């Protein structure tokens, strides 16, 4: 058993789980074309969930803040992104790839910028008075979420809002006899780029070192002359911006959004953070890919279990590794 565990760790350990899951699914599904379609859909879905979950993991795992209002940033990001795309309709529907990309950048940029600014306000006004008090954090962030959802209803109404896609991201291309949606490939690549940036920032830069040191021993870092509160504000803003970016991407993925979008996704986002392990960007990526792939495979193979698949996955993982697959800190 020890030699098997050592071999598993040597070849990537838990990071191999999505590959193992995909191989098992390939055997069960039997048809390569169906398997490839489901796998690409699962990877794209996982990367969009990762954008939202990575923000929550940063806030929850590094700052010890239980932010149940995180889904509000997802919803606002979705609606702001959709509104910008609708306002730039000529660019979105036109044949010019440059204008398509410009509209896309404007929509994602506007959602991300709003998320960062709203995160700053949220941290200063709502979170700052309740640091180190989890019960009050839960109560005040749930209250803030209710207020945010009412603001969404006032501004955009309760009618489902269609989300146009830039022409460059519509349609699909063929891999053999399998049609692959361009939007899903874009979502996967964007999520991968965000992961690389976050990983390098937290592990290879001075700011990342200070953030991790501040989590472990705040007094020591402050004694060295660094303002940890400013670093933590930056972490909160980054987490909120990522949630809004994920919301904007999910809006384009769904094509039709409602003010309840953030709340509907929040359970899945929390499951990803718990599966991956608190404060771990690698864990969030791993958890998101596992959830995305599992959701698509189970929906195809066992439709009646589709709604419970993520809960079952979380239960299995926590029975095996109670702190998650790759937690930043145990216990």
Protein backbone atom coordinates (compact mmCIF):
# COMPACT_ATOMS: atom_id res chain seq x y z
CA UNK A 1 0.00 0.00 0.00
CA UNK A 2 2.83 2.38 0.87
CA UNK A 3 4.63 1.65 -2.41
CA UNK A 4 1.38 2.24 -4.34
CA UNK A 5 0.88 5.57 -2.56
CA UNK A 6 4.51 6.56 -3.24
CA UNK A 7 4.15 5.73 -6.93
CA UNK A 8 0.90 7.72 -7.11
CA UNK A 9 2.61 10.73 -5.51
CA UNK A 10 5.66 10.44 -7.77
CA UNK A 11 3.56 10.69 -10.92
CA UNK A 12 1.57 13.73 -9.83
CA UNK A 13 -0.51 12.54 -6.90
CA UNK A 14 -3.97 14.09 -6.62
CA UNK A 15 -3.29 16.29 -9.66
CA UNK A 16 -3.77 13.12 -11.74
CA UNK A 17 -7.36 12.68 -10.53
CA UNK A 18 -9.01 14.53 -13.47
CA UNK A 19 -7.03 12.31 -15.87
CA UNK A 20 -8.05 9.16 -13.99
CA UNK A 21 -11.67 10.34 -13.93
CA UNK A 22 -11.58 10.99 -17.69
CA UNK A 23 -10.11 7.54 -18.40
CA UNK A 24 -12.76 5.80 -16.29
CA UNK A 25 -15.46 7.82 -18.06
CA UNK A 26 -13.99 6.83 -21.44
CA UNK A 27 -14.42 3.15 -20.57
CA UNK A 28 -17.97 3.65 -19.27
CA UNK A 29 -19.15 5.88 -22.15
CA UNK A 30 -17.65 3.72 -24.86
CA UNK A 31 -18.12 6.19 -27.72
CA UNK A 32 -15.02 8.38 -28.28
CA UNK A 33 -17.00 11.22 -29.90
CA UNK A 34 -19.42 11.49 -26.97
CA UNK A 35 -16.57 11.23 -24.48
CA UNK A 36 -14.58 14.01 -26.18
CA UNK A 37 -17.61 16.31 -26.32
CA UNK A 38 -18.35 15.76 -22.62
CA UNK A 39 -14.70 16.16 -21.63
CA UNK A 40 -14.27 19.48 -23.43
CA UNK A 41 -17.56 20.73 -21.97
CA UNK A 42 -16.45 19.62 -18.50
CA UNK A 43 -13.05 21.30 -18.77
CA UNK A 44 -14.60 24.58 -19.97
CA UNK A 45 -17.22 24.48 -17.23
CA UNK A 46 -14.53 23.69 -14.66
CA UNK A 47 -12.37 26.63 -15.71
CA UNK A 48 -15.28 29.09 -15.43
CA UNK A 49 -16.10 27.75 -11.96
CA UNK A 50 -12.40 28.05 -11.11
CA UNK A 51 -12.51 31.80 -11.84
CA UNK A 52 -15.25 32.21 -9.22
CA UNK A 53 -13.88 29.67 -6.75
CA UNK A 54 -10.30 30.97 -6.81
CA UNK A 55 -11.54 34.36 -5.59
CA UNK A 56 -13.48 32.76 -2.76
CA UNK A 57 -10.54 30.52 -1.87
CA UNK A 58 -8.22 33.54 -1.61
CA UNK A 59 -10.66 35.39 0.67
CA UNK A 60 -11.77 32.37 2.69
CA UNK A 61 -8.47 30.51 2.92
CA UNK A 62 -5.94 33.34 3.19
CA UNK A 63 -7.97 35.96 5.06
CA UNK A 64 -10.20 33.65 7.15
CA UNK A 65 -13.29 35.56 6.02
CA UNK A 66 -16.57 33.68 5.49
CA UNK A 67 -17.97 35.77 2.65
CA UNK A 68 -21.44 34.47 1.74
CA UNK A 69 -21.91 37.63 -0.31
CA UNK A 70 -19.37 36.37 -2.87
CA UNK A 71 -22.17 35.34 -5.24
CA UNK A 72 -23.29 38.97 -5.54
CA UNK A 73 -20.05 39.75 -7.40
CA UNK A 74 -20.75 36.83 -9.74
CA UNK A 75 -24.25 38.14 -10.52
CA UNK A 76 -23.15 41.74 -11.03
CA UNK A 77 -20.27 40.58 -13.24
CA UNK A 78 -22.71 38.60 -15.39
CA UNK A 79 -25.16 41.49 -15.81
CA UNK A 80 -22.50 44.14 -16.40
CA UNK A 81 -20.77 41.96 -18.99
CA UNK A 82 -24.09 41.26 -20.72
CA UNK A 83 -25.05 44.96 -20.67
CA UNK A 84 -21.75 46.03 -22.24
CA UNK A 85 -22.10 43.39 -24.97
CA UNK A 86 -25.66 44.51 -25.68
CA UNK A 87 -24.56 48.17 -25.87
CA UNK A 88 -21.80 47.22 -28.32
CA UNK A 89 -24.17 45.15 -30.44
CA UNK A 90 -22.77 46.38 -33.77
CA UNK A 91 -19.24 45.35 -32.72
CA UNK A 92 -20.48 42.04 -31.32
CA UNK A 93 -22.43 40.99 -34.42
CA UNK A 94 -20.05 42.45 -37.01
CA UNK A 95 -17.62 40.53 -39.19
CA UNK A 96 -14.57 42.38 -37.88
CA UNK A 97 -12.55 40.10 -35.59
CA UNK A 98 -10.83 43.16 -34.10
CA UNK A 99 -14.15 44.77 -33.08
CA UNK A 100 -15.40 41.42 -31.75
CA UNK A 101 -12.34 41.11 -29.53
CA UNK A 102 -12.62 44.75 -28.47
CA UNK A 103 -16.23 44.22 -27.39
CA UNK A 104 -15.27 41.06 -25.51
CA UNK A 105 -12.39 42.78 -23.72
CA UNK A 106 -14.65 45.72 -22.85
CA UNK A 107 -17.32 43.41 -21.37
CA UNK A 108 -14.92 41.27 -19.32
CA UNK A 109 -12.87 44.33 -18.35
CA UNK A 110 -15.93 46.27 -17.17
CA UNK A 111 -17.16 43.31 -15.09
CA UNK A 112 -13.71 42.72 -13.57
CA UNK A 113 -13.15 46.42 -12.79
CA UNK A 114 -16.57 46.66 -11.13
CA UNK A 115 -15.79 43.54 -9.10
CA UNK A 116 -12.52 45.06 -7.84
CA UNK A 117 -14.14 48.38 -6.87
CA UNK A 118 -17.13 46.68 -5.26
CA UNK A 119 -14.73 44.38 -3.41
CA UNK A 120 -12.89 47.39 -1.99
CA UNK A 121 -16.16 48.93 -0.78
CA UNK A 122 -17.39 45.59 0.58
CA UNK A 123 -14.19 44.99 2.55
CA UNK A 124 -13.97 48.52 3.98
CA UNK A 125 -17.64 48.95 4.92
CA UNK A 126 -18.97 45.45 5.60
CA UNK A 127 -16.10 43.07 6.34
CA UNK A 128 -13.63 45.26 8.26
CA UNK A 129 -15.83 45.65 11.38
CA UNK A 130 -16.29 41.87 11.72
CA UNK A 131 -12.80 40.43 11.20
CA UNK A 132 -12.15 37.41 13.46
CA UNK A 133 -15.88 36.96 14.19
CA UNK A 134 -17.21 34.22 11.91
CA UNK A 135 -20.78 34.32 13.16
CA UNK A 136 -21.14 38.03 12.46
CA UNK A 137 -19.37 37.58 9.11
CA UNK A 138 -22.01 35.04 8.06
CA UNK A 139 -24.90 37.23 9.18
CA UNK A 140 -23.65 40.47 7.66
CA UNK A 141 -22.54 38.96 4.33
CA UNK A 142 -25.84 37.09 3.90
CA UNK A 143 -27.61 40.39 4.58
CA UNK A 144 -25.40 42.14 2.04
CA UNK A 145 -26.21 39.41 -0.50
CA UNK A 146 -29.96 39.97 -0.05
CA UNK A 147 -29.50 43.73 -0.57
CA UNK A 148 -27.34 43.13 -3.65
CA UNK A 149 -29.96 40.83 -5.20
CA UNK A 150 -32.63 43.49 -4.66
CA UNK A 151 -30.39 46.07 -6.34
CA UNK A 152 -30.04 43.71 -9.31
CA UNK A 153 -33.83 43.44 -9.54
CA UNK A 154 -34.22 47.21 -9.39
CA UNK A 155 -31.65 47.85 -12.14
CA UNK A 156 -32.22 44.95 -14.53
CA UNK A 157 -35.60 43.57 -13.46
CA UNK A 158 -36.56 39.93 -12.94
CA UNK A 159 -37.01 39.01 -16.60
CA UNK A 160 -34.31 36.66 -17.97
CA UNK A 161 -31.76 38.68 -19.93
CA UNK A 162 -30.27 37.31 -23.19
CA UNK A 163 -26.50 37.52 -23.53
CA UNK A 164 -25.07 38.04 -27.04
CA UNK A 165 -21.79 36.36 -27.92
CA UNK A 166 -19.18 38.07 -30.11
CA UNK A 167 -19.30 36.57 -33.58
CA UNK A 168 -15.70 35.37 -33.24
CA UNK A 169 -16.72 33.09 -30.35
CA UNK A 170 -19.89 31.67 -31.93
CA UNK A 171 -19.97 28.44 -33.86
CA UNK A 172 -17.63 25.49 -33.60
CA UNK A 173 -14.87 23.61 -35.36
CA UNK A 174 -14.40 19.92 -36.02
CA UNK A 175 -11.97 17.51 -34.36
CA UNK A 176 -12.57 14.40 -36.40
CA UNK A 177 -16.35 14.06 -36.34
CA UNK A 178 -16.74 16.01 -33.08
CA UNK A 179 -17.95 19.62 -33.11
CA UNK A 180 -16.13 21.70 -30.47
CA UNK A 181 -17.61 25.06 -29.43
CA UNK A 182 -15.16 27.95 -29.80
CA UNK A 183 -16.52 29.61 -26.66
CA UNK A 184 -15.62 26.59 -24.54
CA UNK A 185 -12.04 26.60 -25.80
CA UNK A 186 -11.80 30.33 -25.03
CA UNK A 187 -13.20 29.78 -21.51
CA UNK A 188 -10.64 27.03 -20.86
CA UNK A 189 -7.71 29.13 -22.09
CA UNK A 190 -8.80 32.19 -20.08
CA UNK A 191 -9.11 30.12 -16.90
CA UNK A 192 -5.71 28.56 -17.53
CA UNK A 193 -4.12 32.00 -18.02
CA UNK A 194 -5.66 33.28 -14.77
CA UNK A 195 -4.38 30.20 -12.91
CA UNK A 196 -0.82 30.73 -14.17
CA UNK A 197 -0.88 34.42 -13.18
CA UNK A 198 -2.24 33.66 -9.69
CA UNK A 199 0.20 30.81 -9.13
CA UNK A 200 3.20 32.88 -10.15
CA UNK A 201 2.02 35.90 -8.13
CA UNK A 202 1.51 33.94 -4.92
CA UNK A 203 4.61 31.76 -5.21
CA UNK A 204 7.20 33.75 -7.14
CA UNK A 205 6.72 37.40 -6.13
CA UNK A 206 7.42 39.47 -3.05
CA UNK A 207 3.75 40.40 -2.71
CA UNK A 208 2.74 36.74 -2.67
CA UNK A 209 5.39 35.99 -0.05
CA UNK A 210 4.16 38.86 2.15
CA UNK A 211 0.54 37.74 1.85
CA UNK A 212 1.37 34.19 2.86
CA UNK A 213 3.64 35.41 5.67
CA UNK A 214 0.92 37.78 6.88
CA UNK A 215 -1.54 34.91 7.10
CA UNK A 216 0.89 32.86 9.19
CA UNK A 217 2.19 35.65 11.45
CA UNK A 218 0.62 39.06 10.95
CA UNK A 219 2.40 40.72 13.89
CA UNK A 220 5.86 39.74 12.64
CA UNK A 221 5.22 41.12 9.13
CA UNK A 222 3.80 44.37 10.53
CA UNK A 223 6.83 44.68 12.83
CA UNK A 224 8.98 44.65 9.68
CA UNK A 225 7.16 47.76 8.47
CA UNK A 226 4.66 46.27 6.00
CA UNK A 227 0.96 47.25 5.99
CA UNK A 228 -0.82 43.89 6.01
CA UNK A 229 -4.24 45.55 5.94
CA UNK A 230 -3.44 47.03 2.53
CA UNK A 231 -2.29 43.67 1.23
CA UNK A 232 -5.48 42.05 2.47
CA UNK A 233 -7.59 44.74 0.80
CA UNK A 234 -5.78 43.87 -2.42
CA UNK A 235 -6.52 40.16 -1.90
CA UNK A 236 -10.20 40.91 -1.32
CA UNK A 237 -10.37 43.12 -4.41
CA UNK A 238 -8.65 40.44 -6.52
CA UNK A 239 -11.03 37.77 -5.23
CA UNK A 240 -14.08 39.90 -5.99
CA UNK A 241 -12.75 40.82 -9.44
CA UNK A 242 -12.23 37.14 -10.28
CA UNK A 243 -15.80 36.36 -9.18
CA UNK A 244 -17.14 39.09 -11.47
CA UNK A 245 -14.98 37.86 -14.35
CA UNK A 246 -16.28 34.33 -13.81
CA UNK A 247 -19.84 35.68 -13.78
CA UNK A 248 -19.30 37.46 -17.09
CA UNK A 249 -17.90 34.29 -18.66
CA UNK A 250 -20.73 32.16 -17.28
CA UNK A 251 -23.27 34.61 -18.71
CA UNK A 252 -21.88 34.09 -22.20
CA UNK A 253 -21.83 30.32 -21.59
CA UNK A 254 -25.48 30.19 -20.52
CA UNK A 255 -26.82 32.73 -23.02
CA UNK A 256 -29.67 33.71 -20.67
CA UNK A 257 -29.25 35.03 -17.12
CA UNK A 258 -31.42 35.96 -14.12
CA UNK A 259 -30.64 37.78 -10.85
CA UNK A 260 -30.56 34.37 -9.12
CA UNK A 261 -27.52 33.27 -11.15
CA UNK A 262 -24.97 33.96 -8.42
CA UNK A 263 -26.95 32.22 -5.68
CA UNK A 264 -27.49 29.18 -7.90
CA UNK A 265 -23.75 28.88 -8.56
CA UNK A 266 -22.64 29.57 -5.00
CA UNK A 267 -23.24 26.06 -3.70
CA UNK A 268 -21.07 24.65 -6.49
CA UNK A 269 -18.36 27.27 -5.84
CA UNK A 270 -18.24 26.42 -2.12
CA UNK A 271 -18.06 22.71 -2.97
CA UNK A 272 -15.06 23.39 -5.25
CA UNK A 273 -13.26 25.35 -2.50
CA UNK A 274 -13.94 22.60 0.06
CA UNK A 275 -12.84 19.81 -2.29
CA UNK A 276 -9.68 21.64 -3.33
CA UNK A 277 -8.66 22.85 0.13
CA UNK A 278 -8.78 26.32 1.68
CA UNK A 279 -6.39 28.98 0.44
CA UNK A 280 -5.01 26.83 -2.36
CA UNK A 281 -5.14 28.02 -5.97
CA UNK A 282 -3.97 24.60 -7.16
CA UNK A 283 -6.68 23.03 -5.04
CA UNK A 284 -9.34 25.32 -6.51
CA UNK A 285 -8.25 24.41 -10.04
CA UNK A 286 -8.24 20.70 -9.24
CA UNK A 287 -11.61 20.87 -7.48
CA UNK A 288 -13.19 22.89 -10.31
CA UNK A 289 -11.98 20.44 -12.98
CA UNK A 290 -13.23 17.49 -10.94
CA UNK A 291 -16.64 19.12 -10.49
CA UNK A 292 -16.93 20.15 -14.16
CA UNK A 293 -15.98 16.71 -15.48
CA UNK A 294 -18.06 14.80 -12.92
CA UNK A 295 -21.16 16.92 -13.62
CA UNK A 296 -20.99 16.28 -17.37
CA UNK A 297 -20.08 12.59 -17.18
CA UNK A 298 -22.73 11.75 -14.57
CA UNK A 299 -25.43 13.73 -16.41
CA UNK A 300 -24.73 11.59 -19.49
CA UNK A 301 -24.29 8.20 -17.80
CA UNK A 302 -26.71 8.47 -14.86
CA UNK A 303 -29.12 11.39 -15.48
CA UNK A 304 -31.06 10.79 -12.25
CA UNK A 305 -27.87 11.34 -10.21
CA UNK A 306 -26.89 14.56 -12.01
CA UNK A 307 -28.16 16.96 -9.34
CA UNK A 308 -26.47 15.04 -6.53
CA UNK A 309 -23.17 14.35 -8.33
CA UNK A 310 -21.19 17.27 -6.87
CA UNK A 311 -22.40 16.50 -3.33
CA UNK A 312 -21.40 12.86 -3.73
CA UNK A 313 -18.00 13.91 -5.06
CA UNK A 314 -17.46 16.21 -2.06
CA UNK A 315 -18.48 13.46 0.36
CA UNK A 316 -16.06 10.96 -1.20
CA UNK A 317 -13.16 13.44 -1.20
CA UNK A 318 -13.71 14.54 2.41
CA UNK A 319 -13.94 10.94 3.64
CA UNK A 320 -10.57 10.35 1.97
CA UNK A 321 -8.87 13.70 2.66
CA UNK A 322 -10.77 15.74 5.30
CA UNK A 323 -8.80 18.96 4.54
CA UNK A 324 -9.34 18.74 0.79
CA UNK A 325 -7.15 17.56 -2.05
CA UNK A 326 -4.46 20.28 -1.89
CA UNK A 327 -5.06 22.58 1.09
CA UNK A 328 -2.72 25.51 1.74
CA UNK A 329 -2.71 24.62 5.43
CA UNK A 330 -4.01 21.57 7.29
CA UNK A 331 -6.15 21.80 10.39
